[in-house]
Amino acid sequence: MLWRSSKAGGWPYPMQGRPGYTRIRTPYVSDTDAARVAEDTSRLTADPDLCLDALLASTGRTATPTPSLTK
């Protein structure tokens, strides 16, 4: 990564072919199609807390708070 020294704290410039840079190409999707897909797949979303609770219950475990490291 290159740093731009003229900016306070530096300014990261990810470079193609170097670690930290990922090039992603996606096709154009119209707003109408995006809205339709979002509506059609909205049932596939789930609350991560509920998923974790269900997983823990299926294994006989429970979520316990992390013990305090202070005395």
Protein backbone atom coordinates (compact mmCIF):
# COMPACT_ATOMS: atom_id res chain seq x y z
CA MET A 1 0.00 0.00 0.00
CA LEU A 2 1.29 3.46 -0.79
CA TRP A 3 0.78 6.35 1.60
CA ARG A 4 0.13 9.92 0.60
CA SER A 5 2.21 11.99 2.98
CA SER A 6 0.42 15.25 2.20
CA LYS A 7 -2.66 14.05 4.13
CA ALA A 8 -2.59 13.97 7.92
CA GLY A 9 -2.21 10.39 9.08
CA GLY A 10 -1.58 9.15 5.55
CA TRP A 11 -4.01 8.19 2.83
CA PRO A 12 -4.03 4.56 1.71
CA TYR A 13 -3.89 3.89 -2.03
CA PRO A 14 -4.52 0.20 -2.70
CA MET A 15 -2.70 -0.89 -5.84
CA GLN A 16 -3.86 -3.62 -8.20
CA GLY A 17 -1.74 -6.76 -7.91
CA ARG A 18 -0.58 -5.93 -4.38
CA PRO A 19 -1.87 -7.37 -1.09
CA GLY A 20 -5.04 -5.69 0.12
CA TYR A 21 -6.44 -4.93 -3.32
CA THR A 22 -9.35 -6.91 -4.68
CA ARG A 23 -10.87 -6.13 -8.04
CA ILE A 24 -14.56 -6.93 -8.26
CA ARG A 25 -16.57 -6.63 -11.44
CA THR A 26 -20.31 -6.85 -11.29
CA PRO A 27 -22.83 -6.52 -14.10
CA TYR A 28 -25.19 -3.55 -14.20
CA VAL A 29 -28.52 -4.30 -12.52
CA SER A 30 -31.42 -1.91 -12.95
CA ASP A 31 -33.13 -0.50 -9.86
CA THR A 32 -36.30 -2.40 -10.82
CA ASP A 33 -34.48 -5.74 -11.02
CA ALA A 34 -32.56 -5.07 -7.79
CA ALA A 35 -35.81 -4.28 -5.96
CA ARG A 36 -37.46 -7.44 -7.33
CA VAL A 37 -34.55 -9.65 -6.27
CA ALA A 38 -34.46 -8.03 -2.82
CA GLU A 39 -38.19 -8.63 -2.39
CA ASP A 40 -38.01 -12.21 -3.71
CA THR A 41 -35.14 -13.14 -1.38
CA SER A 42 -36.10 -11.18 1.74
CA ARG A 43 -37.26 -14.40 3.40
CA LEU A 44 -33.64 -15.62 3.35
CA THR A 45 -32.51 -13.13 5.99
CA ALA A 46 -32.22 -14.10 9.63
CA ASP A 47 -31.25 -12.45 12.90
CA PRO A 48 -27.72 -13.70 13.74
CA ASP A 49 -28.54 -13.75 17.48
CA LEU A 50 -31.50 -16.06 16.87
CA CYS A 51 -29.35 -18.31 14.69
CA LEU A 52 -26.68 -18.52 17.39
CA ASP A 53 -29.28 -19.27 20.07
CA ALA A 54 -30.76 -22.06 17.91
CA LEU A 55 -27.29 -23.52 17.26
CA LEU A 56 -26.36 -23.44 20.93
CA ALA A 57 -29.69 -24.98 21.95
CA SER A 58 -29.22 -27.80 19.41
CA THR A 59 -25.84 -28.65 20.94
CA GLY A 60 -27.02 -28.37 24.54
CA ARG A 61 -24.94 -25.27 25.19
CA THR A 62 -26.00 -21.82 26.29
CA ALA A 63 -24.47 -18.44 25.70
CA THR A 64 -22.70 -17.36 28.85
CA PRO A 65 -21.24 -13.91 29.43
CA THR A 66 -17.48 -13.58 29.18
CA PRO A 67 -15.93 -13.44 32.64
CA SER A 68 -14.57 -10.09 33.68
CA LEU A 69 -10.79 -9.78 33.53
CA THR A 70 -10.74 -7.02 36.15
CA LYS A 71 -10.50 -7.69 39.87
